[in-house]
Amino acid sequence: MITKIQHIWHQYPAAITLAIGLVSLMVVGTAWLFQFAGYLPCQLCLWQRIPYYVAGPLLVLAGLLAYVGIFGQRYLGDVLLFAGLVFVASTMLAAYHSGVEWNFWQGPTSCGAGENFSTTDASDLLGALSSTRPPSCDEAAGRFLGLSFAGWNVIASAGLAAACFVIASASKNRTQTTK
């Protein structure tokens, strides 16, 4: 299987890197869509987006630079390895948040419990903002097929980490065999 991946990597390194970056941006974009649909994120939810803000644009930029010939395969492998580590951290953070939601352990004390923010009085906007607290980290905004958003993020982050590591490994193996 690794030989097949090496072959595909050798033919399309920029496209593969770009695709992983775009999938990463689609994951965080989905979180934004749910937020705009009324699912307010808690503090841990917002923290879980940071790895995507780091790895997604980095992978897209590296893929584009490789496509125009500025970045070589060796550097793409290094970027993929770094992105894989970022997604491992994302997986751990999402698993921690899932555990908080299932009451396996306590979340950060800075996670507030409150109602969703809503006001129809523009003159009282500042007052409404100061009295509104973010959603609690220990209550899932919703569950889909038994998993919360944090649970789905465990799967997405682990999948992206695995993809980055497998492709980075194929990249390193390919570079070593061509020397």
Foldseek 3Di string as FASTA:
>chain_A
DLVVLLVVCVVQVLPLLLVLLVLLVVLVVVVVVVVVVPLFDWPLRVVLNVLSVVLNVLSNVQSVCVVVPNHDLLVSLVSLLVSLVSLVVSLVSLVVLQCLQVVVDPDDPLTDDFDGQDDDDPVCVVVSVVPGHGHGSNHASDDDPRHGSSRVSNVVSNVSSVSSNSSSVSSVVSVVVVD
